[in-house]
């Protein structure tokens, strides 16, 4: 029951994000970088809306870390922020004792040359095992080169689940290298993985 409730809470938070207008991506140069996408995405909430700011602690935490990075300030002792511009990938990690909160963001160039797909993924672990947190989950936004805006996207081929048919927790991992997403099913006997392959427009099983 508790795990199901957490999934519902994340869904509500996702819907709050999805309900926003399109997010404009500002950049310099010929095309946006992962830093441009992250800056646009993390700036997408109205910081003056206290009720909204309190909704998602994970979003606020990575947003604060990103602000520290932009200002050239050090991160908190328990926080690391890795920015891989070349591979279009950013990962935030916050550690406390044996607990880890991991937030990944990356993007894919679509085959039509007109769009990019941006992903935001949250996963929490304890003692090296997945422990679904309140704000865990994966969402996608599609960027249009012509409008320079991205909108929430459900048409990705990814059937996002947080429990398998046999009620096993599922976590997601975005690619730092390569283009495919890894899904891990956390069985008591040990984790099992499957790959969602990128075909230039969608993911296939």
N, C-alpha and C. Protein backbone atom coordinates (compact mmCIF):
# COMPACT_ATOMS: atom_id res chain seq x y z
N UNK A 1 0.83 -1.20 0.00
CA UNK A 1 0.00 0.00 0.00
C UNK A 1 0.86 1.25 0.00
N UNK A 2 1.94 1.26 0.82
CA UNK A 2 2.81 2.42 0.91
C UNK A 2 3.47 2.70 -0.43
N UNK A 3 3.97 1.65 -1.11
CA UNK A 3 4.62 1.85 -2.39
C UNK A 3 3.64 2.38 -3.42
N UNK A 4 2.42 1.88 -3.40
CA UNK A 4 1.41 2.35 -4.34
C UNK A 4 1.10 3.82 -4.09
N UNK A 5 1.04 4.22 -2.82
CA UNK A 5 0.78 5.61 -2.48
C UNK A 5 1.90 6.50 -2.98
N UNK A 6 3.14 6.05 -2.84
CA UNK A 6 4.27 6.84 -3.32
C UNK A 6 4.19 7.02 -4.83
N UNK A 7 3.79 5.99 -5.53
CA UNK A 7 3.66 6.09 -6.98
C UNK A 7 2.60 7.11 -7.35
N UNK A 8 1.51 7.13 -6.61
CA UNK A 8 0.44 8.09 -6.87
C UNK A 8 0.93 9.50 -6.61
N UNK A 9 1.68 9.70 -5.53
CA UNK A 9 2.21 11.02 -5.20
C UNK A 9 3.13 11.51 -6.30
N UNK A 10 4.01 10.63 -6.80
CA UNK A 10 4.90 11.05 -7.88
C UNK A 10 4.11 11.41 -9.12
N UNK A 11 3.08 10.62 -9.42
CA UNK A 11 2.25 10.91 -10.59
C UNK A 11 1.63 12.30 -10.48
N UNK A 12 1.17 12.65 -9.29
CA UNK A 12 0.58 13.98 -9.10
C UNK A 12 1.62 15.07 -9.32
N UNK A 13 2.84 14.84 -8.84
CA UNK A 13 3.90 15.83 -9.04
C UNK A 13 4.25 15.94 -10.52
N UNK A 14 4.27 14.80 -11.21
CA UNK A 14 4.55 14.80 -12.64
C UNK A 14 3.48 15.58 -13.39
N UNK A 15 2.22 15.38 -13.01
CA UNK A 15 1.13 16.09 -13.67
C UNK A 15 1.23 17.59 -13.43
N UNK A 16 1.73 17.98 -12.26
CA UNK A 16 1.90 19.41 -11.98
C UNK A 16 2.92 20.02 -12.93
N UNK A 17 4.00 19.28 -13.17
CA UNK A 17 5.00 19.74 -14.13
C UNK A 17 4.44 19.76 -15.53
N UNK A 18 3.75 18.68 -15.90
CA UNK A 18 3.25 18.54 -17.26
C UNK A 18 2.22 19.59 -17.60
N UNK A 19 1.52 20.10 -16.57
CA UNK A 19 0.47 21.06 -16.82
C UNK A 19 1.00 22.44 -17.21
N UNK A 20 2.31 22.64 -17.06
CA UNK A 20 2.88 23.93 -17.39
C UNK A 20 2.81 24.18 -18.89
N UNK A 21 2.94 25.47 -19.24
CA UNK A 21 3.09 25.82 -20.64
C UNK A 21 4.43 25.31 -21.13
N UNK A 22 4.64 25.42 -22.43
CA UNK A 22 5.91 25.00 -23.00
C UNK A 22 7.06 25.77 -22.37
N UNK A 23 8.18 25.10 -22.21
CA UNK A 23 9.36 25.71 -21.60
C UNK A 23 10.29 26.20 -22.71
N UNK A 24 10.63 27.47 -22.68
CA UNK A 24 11.55 28.02 -23.66
C UNK A 24 12.99 27.71 -23.26
N UNK A 25 13.79 27.29 -24.23
CA UNK A 25 15.19 26.97 -23.98
C UNK A 25 16.06 28.06 -24.62
N UNK A 26 16.68 28.86 -23.78
CA UNK A 26 17.57 29.91 -24.26
C UNK A 26 18.99 29.38 -24.38
N UNK A 27 19.67 29.73 -25.44
CA UNK A 27 21.04 29.27 -25.64
C UNK A 27 21.79 30.19 -26.57
N UNK A 28 23.11 30.06 -26.53
CA UNK A 28 23.98 30.78 -27.43
C UNK A 28 24.66 29.76 -28.34
N UNK A 29 24.98 30.16 -29.54
CA UNK A 29 25.61 29.22 -30.46
C UNK A 29 24.59 28.59 -31.40
N UNK A 30 25.04 27.52 -32.09
CA UNK A 30 24.20 26.91 -33.12
C UNK A 30 23.09 26.03 -32.56
N UNK A 31 23.29 25.47 -31.38
CA UNK A 31 22.28 24.56 -30.83
C UNK A 31 22.41 24.50 -29.31
N UNK A 32 21.35 24.11 -28.62
CA UNK A 32 21.41 24.04 -27.16
C UNK A 32 22.25 22.85 -26.68
N UNK A 33 22.85 23.03 -25.51
CA UNK A 33 23.61 21.98 -24.86
C UNK A 33 22.79 21.39 -23.72
N UNK A 34 23.31 20.36 -23.09
CA UNK A 34 22.60 19.78 -21.95
C UNK A 34 22.44 20.82 -20.84
N UNK A 35 23.42 21.69 -20.67
CA UNK A 35 23.32 22.73 -19.64
C UNK A 35 22.17 23.68 -19.95
N UNK A 36 21.96 23.98 -21.22
CA UNK A 36 20.85 24.85 -21.60
C UNK A 36 19.51 24.20 -21.28
N UNK A 37 19.39 22.90 -21.57
CA UNK A 37 18.16 22.18 -21.27
C UNK A 37 17.91 22.12 -19.76
N UNK A 38 18.96 21.83 -19.01
CA UNK A 38 18.81 21.72 -17.55
C UNK A 38 18.43 23.07 -16.96
N UNK A 39 19.09 24.14 -17.40
CA UNK A 39 18.76 25.47 -16.89
C UNK A 39 17.31 25.83 -17.17
N UNK A 40 16.86 25.53 -18.38
CA UNK A 40 15.47 25.84 -18.74
C UNK A 40 14.50 25.02 -17.90
N UNK A 41 14.77 23.73 -17.76
CA UNK A 41 13.86 22.84 -17.04
C UNK A 41 13.78 23.20 -15.57
N UNK A 42 14.94 23.43 -14.93
CA UNK A 42 14.95 23.72 -13.50
C UNK A 42 14.45 25.12 -13.18
N UNK A 43 14.38 25.98 -14.18
CA UNK A 43 13.84 27.33 -13.98
C UNK A 43 12.37 27.41 -14.35
N UNK A 44 11.75 26.27 -14.62
CA UNK A 44 10.39 26.26 -15.17
C UNK A 44 9.31 26.53 -14.14
N UNK A 45 9.65 26.46 -12.85
CA UNK A 45 8.66 26.75 -11.82
C UNK A 45 8.76 28.19 -11.36
N UNK A 46 7.63 28.70 -10.93
CA UNK A 46 7.57 30.05 -10.39
C UNK A 46 8.08 30.02 -8.96
N UNK A 47 9.28 30.55 -8.73
CA UNK A 47 9.89 30.49 -7.40
C UNK A 47 9.11 31.30 -6.37
N UNK A 48 8.20 32.15 -6.83
CA UNK A 48 7.43 32.95 -5.88
C UNK A 48 6.21 32.21 -5.36
N UNK A 49 5.92 31.05 -5.96
CA UNK A 49 4.76 30.28 -5.52
C UNK A 49 5.20 29.30 -4.45
N UNK A 50 5.02 29.65 -3.19
CA UNK A 50 5.55 28.83 -2.10
C UNK A 50 4.94 27.44 -2.09
N UNK A 51 3.65 27.35 -2.38
CA UNK A 51 2.99 26.05 -2.36
C UNK A 51 3.60 25.14 -3.41
N UNK A 52 3.88 25.68 -4.60
CA UNK A 52 4.46 24.87 -5.67
C UNK A 52 5.88 24.45 -5.34
N UNK A 53 6.66 25.38 -4.76
CA UNK A 53 8.06 25.10 -4.44
C UNK A 53 8.15 23.95 -3.44
N UNK A 54 7.19 23.85 -2.52
CA UNK A 54 7.25 22.82 -1.49
C UNK A 54 6.82 21.44 -1.99
N UNK A 55 6.31 21.35 -3.21
CA UNK A 55 5.76 20.09 -3.70
C UNK A 55 6.82 19.02 -3.86
N UNK A 56 7.97 19.37 -4.43
CA UNK A 56 8.93 18.36 -4.84
C UNK A 56 10.31 18.69 -4.30
N UNK A 57 10.69 18.03 -3.21
CA UNK A 57 11.97 18.31 -2.57
C UNK A 57 13.15 17.92 -3.46
N UNK A 58 13.01 16.85 -4.24
CA UNK A 58 14.09 16.43 -5.12
C UNK A 58 14.35 17.49 -6.19
N UNK A 59 13.28 18.01 -6.78
CA UNK A 59 13.40 19.04 -7.81
C UNK A 59 14.06 20.29 -7.22
N UNK A 60 13.64 20.67 -6.02
CA UNK A 60 14.23 21.83 -5.38
C UNK A 60 15.69 21.62 -5.04
N UNK A 61 16.06 20.41 -4.63
CA UNK A 61 17.44 20.11 -4.26
C UNK A 61 18.38 20.20 -5.46
N UNK A 62 17.99 19.59 -6.57
CA UNK A 62 18.85 19.67 -7.75
C UNK A 62 18.86 21.09 -8.31
N UNK A 63 17.74 21.80 -8.16
CA UNK A 63 17.70 23.18 -8.60
C UNK A 63 18.67 24.05 -7.81
N UNK A 64 18.75 23.83 -6.50
CA UNK A 64 19.69 24.57 -5.66
C UNK A 64 21.13 24.24 -6.05
N UNK A 65 21.41 22.95 -6.27
CA UNK A 65 22.76 22.54 -6.67
C UNK A 65 23.14 23.17 -8.01
N UNK A 66 22.15 23.25 -8.93
CA UNK A 66 22.42 23.85 -10.23
C UNK A 66 22.73 25.35 -10.09
N UNK A 67 22.00 26.02 -9.22
CA UNK A 67 22.27 27.44 -8.96
C UNK A 67 23.68 27.63 -8.40
N UNK A 68 24.08 26.74 -7.49
CA UNK A 68 25.44 26.81 -6.94
C UNK A 68 26.47 26.67 -8.06
N UNK A 69 26.22 25.74 -8.96
CA UNK A 69 27.13 25.54 -10.11
C UNK A 69 27.20 26.80 -10.97
N UNK A 70 26.06 27.38 -11.30
CA UNK A 70 26.04 28.57 -12.17
C UNK A 70 26.76 29.76 -11.52
N UNK A 71 26.71 29.82 -10.19
CA UNK A 71 27.36 30.92 -9.46
C UNK A 71 28.83 30.64 -9.16
N UNK A 72 29.28 29.42 -9.54
CA UNK A 72 30.67 29.06 -9.27
C UNK A 72 30.95 28.77 -7.82
N UNK A 73 29.92 28.39 -7.06
CA UNK A 73 30.06 28.12 -5.64
C UNK A 73 30.17 26.62 -5.39
N UNK A 74 30.82 26.22 -4.29
CA UNK A 74 30.96 24.78 -4.00
C UNK A 74 29.62 24.15 -3.62
N UNK A 75 29.52 22.86 -3.87
CA UNK A 75 28.34 22.11 -3.48
C UNK A 75 28.43 21.73 -2.01
N UNK A 76 27.28 21.37 -1.45
CA UNK A 76 27.28 20.86 -0.08
C UNK A 76 28.14 19.61 0.00
N UNK A 77 28.61 19.32 1.19
CA UNK A 77 29.56 18.21 1.37
C UNK A 77 29.00 16.89 0.88
N UNK A 78 27.71 16.67 1.01
CA UNK A 78 27.11 15.39 0.67
C UNK A 78 26.62 15.34 -0.78
N UNK A 79 26.85 16.41 -1.55
CA UNK A 79 26.30 16.52 -2.90
C UNK A 79 27.41 16.52 -3.95
N UNK A 80 27.18 15.80 -5.05
CA UNK A 80 28.04 15.89 -6.22
C UNK A 80 27.17 16.18 -7.44
N UNK A 81 27.70 17.00 -8.34
CA UNK A 81 27.00 17.35 -9.57
C UNK A 81 27.97 17.15 -10.72
N UNK A 82 27.65 16.19 -11.59
CA UNK A 82 28.50 15.87 -12.73
C UNK A 82 27.85 16.35 -14.02
N UNK A 83 28.57 17.14 -14.78
CA UNK A 83 28.06 17.71 -16.03
C UNK A 83 28.94 17.23 -17.18
N UNK A 84 28.36 16.43 -18.06
CA UNK A 84 29.08 15.88 -19.20
C UNK A 84 28.48 16.49 -20.47
N UNK A 85 29.02 17.64 -20.86
CA UNK A 85 28.49 18.35 -22.03
C UNK A 85 28.63 17.52 -23.30
N UNK A 86 29.74 16.85 -23.44
CA UNK A 86 30.01 16.09 -24.66
C UNK A 86 28.96 15.01 -24.89
N UNK A 87 28.58 14.33 -23.84
CA UNK A 87 27.60 13.25 -23.97
C UNK A 87 26.17 13.69 -23.66
N UNK A 88 25.97 14.97 -23.38
CA UNK A 88 24.62 15.47 -23.12
C UNK A 88 23.98 14.87 -21.90
N UNK A 89 24.72 14.87 -20.78
CA UNK A 89 24.26 14.15 -19.58
C UNK A 89 24.65 14.91 -18.32
N UNK A 90 23.73 14.98 -17.36
CA UNK A 90 23.99 15.58 -16.05
C UNK A 90 23.44 14.65 -14.98
N UNK A 91 24.21 14.48 -13.90
CA UNK A 91 23.71 13.68 -12.79
C UNK A 91 24.02 14.38 -11.47
N UNK A 92 22.99 14.45 -10.63
CA UNK A 92 23.09 14.99 -9.28
C UNK A 92 22.99 13.81 -8.31
N UNK A 93 23.88 13.78 -7.31
CA UNK A 93 23.83 12.72 -6.30
C UNK A 93 23.94 13.33 -4.92
N UNK A 94 23.05 12.91 -4.04
CA UNK A 94 23.07 13.34 -2.64
C UNK A 94 23.14 12.10 -1.76
N UNK A 95 24.16 12.04 -0.92
CA UNK A 95 24.36 10.86 -0.08
C UNK A 95 24.19 11.22 1.39
N UNK A 96 23.56 10.30 2.13
CA UNK A 96 23.40 10.43 3.57
C UNK A 96 23.50 9.04 4.18
N UNK A 97 24.59 8.80 4.90
CA UNK A 97 24.86 7.46 5.44
C UNK A 97 24.84 6.45 4.29
N UNK A 98 23.89 5.51 4.31
CA UNK A 98 23.83 4.49 3.25
C UNK A 98 22.77 4.80 2.20
N UNK A 99 22.23 6.01 2.25
CA UNK A 99 21.17 6.39 1.31
C UNK A 99 21.72 7.26 0.19
N UNK A 100 21.15 7.09 -0.99
CA UNK A 100 21.57 7.85 -2.16
C UNK A 100 20.35 8.31 -2.95
N UNK A 101 20.29 9.61 -3.26
CA UNK A 101 19.29 10.14 -4.19
C UNK A 101 20.03 10.51 -5.47
N UNK A 102 19.58 9.95 -6.58
CA UNK A 102 20.25 10.15 -7.86
C UNK A 102 19.26 10.76 -8.86
N UNK A 103 19.62 11.92 -9.41
CA UNK A 103 18.77 12.60 -10.38
C UNK A 103 19.57 12.79 -11.67
N UNK A 104 19.07 12.19 -12.74
CA UNK A 104 19.74 12.26 -14.03
C UNK A 104 18.93 13.09 -15.03
N UNK A 105 19.65 13.75 -15.92
CA UNK A 105 19.02 14.45 -17.03
C UNK A 105 19.88 14.27 -18.27
N UNK A 106 19.24 14.02 -19.40
CA UNK A 106 19.97 13.88 -20.65
C UNK A 106 19.05 14.19 -21.81
N UNK A 107 19.60 14.20 -23.03
CA UNK A 107 18.74 14.42 -24.20
C UNK A 107 19.24 13.58 -25.36
N UNK A 108 18.33 13.35 -26.31
CA UNK A 108 18.62 12.61 -27.53
C UNK A 108 18.30 13.50 -28.73
N UNK A 109 19.12 13.44 -29.76
CA UNK A 109 18.80 14.07 -31.04
C UNK A 109 17.88 13.14 -31.81
N UNK A 110 16.75 13.65 -32.28
CA UNK A 110 15.83 12.80 -33.04
C UNK A 110 16.25 12.74 -34.51
N UNK A 111 15.86 11.66 -35.15
CA UNK A 111 16.31 11.37 -36.51
C UNK A 111 15.83 12.39 -37.53
N UNK A 112 14.72 13.08 -37.25
CA UNK A 112 14.20 14.05 -38.21
C UNK A 112 15.02 15.34 -38.26
N UNK A 113 15.96 15.49 -37.32
CA UNK A 113 16.79 16.68 -37.28
C UNK A 113 16.06 17.92 -36.81
N UNK A 114 14.79 17.77 -36.41
CA UNK A 114 13.97 18.92 -36.02
C UNK A 114 13.61 18.93 -34.54
N UNK A 115 13.85 17.81 -33.86
CA UNK A 115 13.45 17.70 -32.46
C UNK A 115 14.55 17.04 -31.63
N UNK A 116 14.45 17.27 -30.31
CA UNK A 116 15.29 16.57 -29.34
C UNK A 116 14.37 16.10 -28.22
N UNK A 117 14.77 15.03 -27.56
CA UNK A 117 13.99 14.49 -26.45
C UNK A 117 14.81 14.65 -25.17
N UNK A 118 14.22 15.31 -24.18
CA UNK A 118 14.89 15.56 -22.89
C UNK A 118 14.23 14.69 -21.82
N UNK A 119 15.05 14.10 -20.95
CA UNK A 119 14.52 13.24 -19.89
C UNK A 119 15.02 13.69 -18.52
N UNK A 120 14.16 13.52 -17.52
CA UNK A 120 14.47 13.82 -16.12
C UNK A 120 14.09 12.59 -15.31
N UNK A 121 15.05 12.06 -14.56
CA UNK A 121 14.84 10.79 -13.87
C UNK A 121 15.34 10.86 -12.44
N UNK A 122 14.50 10.43 -11.49
CA UNK A 122 14.86 10.42 -10.07
C UNK A 122 14.79 8.98 -9.55
N UNK A 123 15.84 8.55 -8.85
CA UNK A 123 15.86 7.20 -8.25
C UNK A 123 16.59 7.26 -6.92
N UNK A 124 16.04 6.62 -5.90
CA UNK A 124 16.64 6.61 -4.56
C UNK A 124 17.03 5.18 -4.16
N UNK A 125 18.16 5.08 -3.47
CA UNK A 125 18.70 3.78 -3.10
C UNK A 125 19.10 3.78 -1.62
N UNK A 126 19.07 2.60 -1.02
CA UNK A 126 19.52 2.42 0.34
C UNK A 126 20.31 1.12 0.42
N UNK A 127 21.52 1.20 0.93
CA UNK A 127 22.40 0.02 1.00
C UNK A 127 22.57 -0.63 -0.37
N UNK A 128 22.63 0.18 -1.41
CA UNK A 128 22.87 -0.34 -2.76
C UNK A 128 21.65 -0.93 -3.44
N UNK A 129 20.50 -0.88 -2.78
CA UNK A 129 19.27 -1.43 -3.36
C UNK A 129 18.26 -0.31 -3.58
N UNK A 130 17.44 -0.49 -4.61
CA UNK A 130 16.45 0.54 -4.93
C UNK A 130 15.38 0.60 -3.86
N UNK A 131 15.12 1.82 -3.39
CA UNK A 131 14.06 2.06 -2.42
C UNK A 131 13.27 3.25 -2.93
N UNK A 132 12.12 2.99 -3.48
CA UNK A 132 11.36 4.03 -4.16
C UNK A 132 11.04 5.19 -3.22
N UNK A 133 11.54 6.37 -3.57
CA UNK A 133 11.29 7.55 -2.78
C UNK A 133 10.02 8.25 -3.23
N UNK A 134 9.64 9.28 -2.52
CA UNK A 134 8.38 9.97 -2.76
C UNK A 134 8.34 10.62 -4.13
N UNK A 135 9.51 11.05 -4.64
CA UNK A 135 9.53 11.80 -5.89
C UNK A 135 10.23 11.05 -7.01
N UNK A 136 10.43 9.76 -6.85
CA UNK A 136 11.09 8.97 -7.89
C UNK A 136 10.23 8.89 -9.14
N UNK A 137 10.89 8.81 -10.29
CA UNK A 137 10.16 8.62 -11.53
C UNK A 137 10.87 9.23 -12.71
N UNK A 138 10.34 8.96 -13.89
CA UNK A 138 10.92 9.36 -15.17
C UNK A 138 9.89 10.13 -15.98
N UNK A 139 10.28 11.31 -16.49
CA UNK A 139 9.41 12.07 -17.37
C UNK A 139 10.21 12.56 -18.57
N UNK A 140 9.50 12.84 -19.67
CA UNK A 140 10.13 13.28 -20.92
C UNK A 140 9.52 14.59 -21.40
N UNK A 141 10.35 15.38 -22.07
CA UNK A 141 9.92 16.61 -22.73
C UNK A 141 10.51 16.62 -24.14
N UNK A 142 9.72 17.01 -25.12
CA UNK A 142 10.20 17.08 -26.51
C UNK A 142 10.47 18.53 -26.90
N UNK A 143 11.68 18.75 -27.42
CA UNK A 143 12.12 20.09 -27.83
C UNK A 143 11.97 20.24 -29.34
N UNK A 144 11.43 21.39 -29.75
CA UNK A 144 11.24 21.70 -31.16
C UNK A 144 12.29 22.74 -31.57
N UNK A 145 13.14 22.39 -32.53
CA UNK A 145 14.20 23.31 -32.96
C UNK A 145 13.64 24.62 -33.48
N UNK A 146 12.48 24.57 -34.14
CA UNK A 146 11.92 25.77 -34.77
C UNK A 146 11.41 26.76 -33.74
N UNK A 147 10.71 26.27 -32.72
CA UNK A 147 10.11 27.17 -31.72
C UNK A 147 11.05 27.43 -30.54
N UNK A 148 12.08 26.59 -30.40
CA UNK A 148 13.02 26.66 -29.28
C UNK A 148 12.30 26.45 -27.94
N UNK A 149 11.26 25.63 -27.98
CA UNK A 149 10.50 25.31 -26.77
C UNK A 149 10.36 23.80 -26.62
N UNK A 150 10.18 23.34 -25.38
CA UNK A 150 9.92 21.92 -25.16
C UNK A 150 8.63 21.76 -24.37
N UNK A 151 7.91 20.70 -24.69
CA UNK A 151 6.64 20.40 -24.06
C UNK A 151 6.66 18.96 -23.55
N UNK A 152 5.84 18.71 -22.52
CA UNK A 152 5.77 17.37 -21.94
C UNK A 152 5.41 16.35 -23.01
N UNK A 153 6.06 15.20 -23.00
CA UNK A 153 5.89 14.21 -24.06
C UNK A 153 5.63 12.83 -23.48
N UNK A 154 4.50 12.23 -23.89
CA UNK A 154 4.18 10.86 -23.49
C UNK A 154 4.42 9.86 -24.62
N UNK A 155 4.64 10.37 -25.83
CA UNK A 155 4.80 9.52 -27.01
C UNK A 155 6.27 9.16 -27.20
N UNK A 156 6.78 8.29 -26.33
CA UNK A 156 8.20 7.92 -26.38
C UNK A 156 8.42 6.42 -26.58
N UNK A 157 7.34 5.63 -26.51
CA UNK A 157 7.48 4.18 -26.58
C UNK A 157 7.80 3.55 -25.24
N UNK A 158 8.03 4.38 -24.21
CA UNK A 158 8.36 3.87 -22.88
C UNK A 158 7.08 3.72 -22.07
N UNK A 159 6.77 2.50 -21.66
CA UNK A 159 5.64 2.23 -20.78
C UNK A 159 6.17 2.30 -19.36
N UNK A 160 6.11 3.49 -18.79
CA UNK A 160 6.74 3.71 -17.49
C UNK A 160 5.93 3.04 -16.38
N UNK A 161 6.56 2.10 -15.70
CA UNK A 161 5.95 1.41 -14.57
C UNK A 161 6.90 1.50 -13.38
N UNK A 162 6.35 1.44 -12.19
CA UNK A 162 7.18 1.45 -10.99
C UNK A 162 7.05 0.15 -10.21
N UNK A 163 6.10 -0.69 -10.66
CA UNK A 163 5.96 -2.05 -10.14
C UNK A 163 5.68 -2.96 -11.34
N UNK A 164 6.37 -4.08 -11.40
CA UNK A 164 6.11 -5.04 -12.47
C UNK A 164 4.81 -5.78 -12.17
N UNK A 165 4.41 -6.67 -13.08
CA UNK A 165 3.16 -7.42 -12.89
C UNK A 165 3.20 -8.28 -11.63
N UNK A 166 4.40 -8.70 -11.23
CA UNK A 166 4.51 -9.49 -10.01
C UNK A 166 4.92 -8.61 -8.82
N UNK A 167 4.61 -7.29 -8.92
CA UNK A 167 4.77 -6.34 -7.83
C UNK A 167 6.22 -6.15 -7.40
N UNK A 168 7.14 -6.23 -8.36
CA UNK A 168 8.55 -5.97 -8.10
C UNK A 168 8.86 -4.53 -8.51
N UNK A 169 9.60 -3.82 -7.67
CA UNK A 169 9.95 -2.43 -7.97
C UNK A 169 10.80 -2.33 -9.23
N UNK A 170 10.59 -1.26 -10.00
CA UNK A 170 11.36 -1.02 -11.21
C UNK A 170 11.98 0.36 -11.16
N UNK A 171 13.28 0.45 -11.48
CA UNK A 171 13.95 1.74 -11.55
C UNK A 171 14.53 1.93 -12.94
N UNK A 172 14.85 3.18 -13.27
CA UNK A 172 15.34 3.53 -14.61
C UNK A 172 16.70 4.19 -14.51
N UNK A 173 17.51 3.99 -15.54
CA UNK A 173 18.83 4.62 -15.61
C UNK A 173 19.03 5.20 -17.00
N UNK A 174 19.33 6.49 -17.06
CA UNK A 174 19.55 7.16 -18.34
C UNK A 174 20.98 6.93 -18.81
N UNK A 175 21.21 6.99 -20.12
CA UNK A 175 22.55 6.72 -20.64
C UNK A 175 23.48 7.93 -20.59
N UNK A 176 24.66 7.73 -20.04
CA UNK A 176 25.71 8.74 -20.16
C UNK A 176 26.46 8.53 -21.46
N UNK A 177 26.66 7.26 -21.79
CA UNK A 177 27.22 6.89 -23.09
C UNK A 177 26.21 5.97 -23.76
N UNK A 178 26.21 5.97 -25.08
CA UNK A 178 25.20 5.21 -25.79
C UNK A 178 23.88 5.96 -25.78
N UNK A 179 22.81 5.28 -26.18
CA UNK A 179 21.53 5.97 -26.33
C UNK A 179 20.36 5.25 -25.66
N UNK A 180 20.60 4.12 -25.02
CA UNK A 180 19.51 3.29 -24.52
C UNK A 180 19.27 3.50 -23.02
N UNK A 181 18.04 3.27 -22.59
CA UNK A 181 17.65 3.36 -21.19
C UNK A 181 17.67 1.96 -20.57
N UNK A 182 18.20 1.86 -19.37
CA UNK A 182 18.23 0.58 -18.66
C UNK A 182 17.14 0.55 -17.60
N UNK A 183 16.35 -0.52 -17.62
CA UNK A 183 15.32 -0.74 -16.59
C UNK A 183 15.80 -1.87 -15.69
N UNK A 184 15.78 -1.63 -14.38
CA UNK A 184 16.19 -2.66 -13.43
C UNK A 184 15.00 -3.09 -12.59
N UNK A 185 14.75 -4.39 -12.57
CA UNK A 185 13.70 -4.96 -11.73
C UNK A 185 14.36 -5.54 -10.49
N UNK A 186 13.91 -5.11 -9.33
CA UNK A 186 14.60 -5.42 -8.07
C UNK A 186 13.95 -6.60 -7.36
N UNK A 187 14.25 -7.81 -7.84
CA UNK A 187 13.76 -9.03 -7.21
C UNK A 187 14.55 -9.30 -5.92
N UNK A 188 13.92 -10.01 -5.00
CA UNK A 188 14.60 -10.36 -3.76
C UNK A 188 15.82 -11.24 -4.01
N UNK A 189 15.78 -12.01 -5.08
CA UNK A 189 16.90 -12.89 -5.43
C UNK A 189 18.02 -12.13 -6.14
N UNK A 190 17.78 -10.88 -6.48
CA UNK A 190 18.79 -10.08 -7.17
C UNK A 190 18.18 -9.29 -8.31
N UNK A 191 18.79 -8.19 -8.70
CA UNK A 191 18.23 -7.35 -9.76
C UNK A 191 18.39 -7.97 -11.14
N UNK A 192 17.40 -7.71 -11.99
CA UNK A 192 17.46 -8.14 -13.39
C UNK A 192 17.22 -6.91 -14.26
N UNK A 193 17.97 -6.83 -15.37
CA UNK A 193 17.90 -5.65 -16.21
C UNK A 193 17.38 -5.95 -17.61
N UNK A 194 16.74 -4.93 -18.18
CA UNK A 194 16.35 -4.99 -19.58
C UNK A 194 16.64 -3.63 -20.20
N UNK A 195 16.71 -3.60 -21.52
CA UNK A 195 17.13 -2.39 -22.22
C UNK A 195 16.01 -1.86 -23.11
N UNK A 196 15.80 -0.55 -23.03
CA UNK A 196 14.90 0.13 -23.94
C UNK A 196 15.76 0.81 -25.00
N UNK A 197 15.64 0.37 -26.25
CA UNK A 197 16.54 0.82 -27.31
C UNK A 197 15.98 2.03 -28.04
N UNK A 198 16.83 3.02 -28.26
CA UNK A 198 16.47 4.25 -28.96
C UNK A 198 16.60 4.03 -30.46
N UNK A 199 15.54 4.37 -31.20
CA UNK A 199 15.56 4.18 -32.65
C UNK A 199 15.58 5.49 -33.44
N UNK A 200 15.83 6.59 -32.74
CA UNK A 200 15.86 7.88 -33.40
C UNK A 200 14.59 8.68 -33.22
N UNK A 201 13.55 8.06 -32.70
CA UNK A 201 12.28 8.75 -32.45
C UNK A 201 11.60 8.25 -31.17
N UNK A 202 11.71 6.95 -30.92
CA UNK A 202 11.07 6.32 -29.77
C UNK A 202 11.98 5.22 -29.22
N UNK A 203 11.55 4.66 -28.11
CA UNK A 203 12.25 3.54 -27.51
C UNK A 203 11.47 2.25 -27.78
N UNK A 204 12.21 1.17 -28.00
CA UNK A 204 11.59 -0.12 -28.25
C UNK A 204 12.14 -1.12 -27.24
N UNK A 205 11.34 -2.13 -26.93
CA UNK A 205 11.72 -3.14 -25.93
C UNK A 205 12.61 -4.19 -26.58
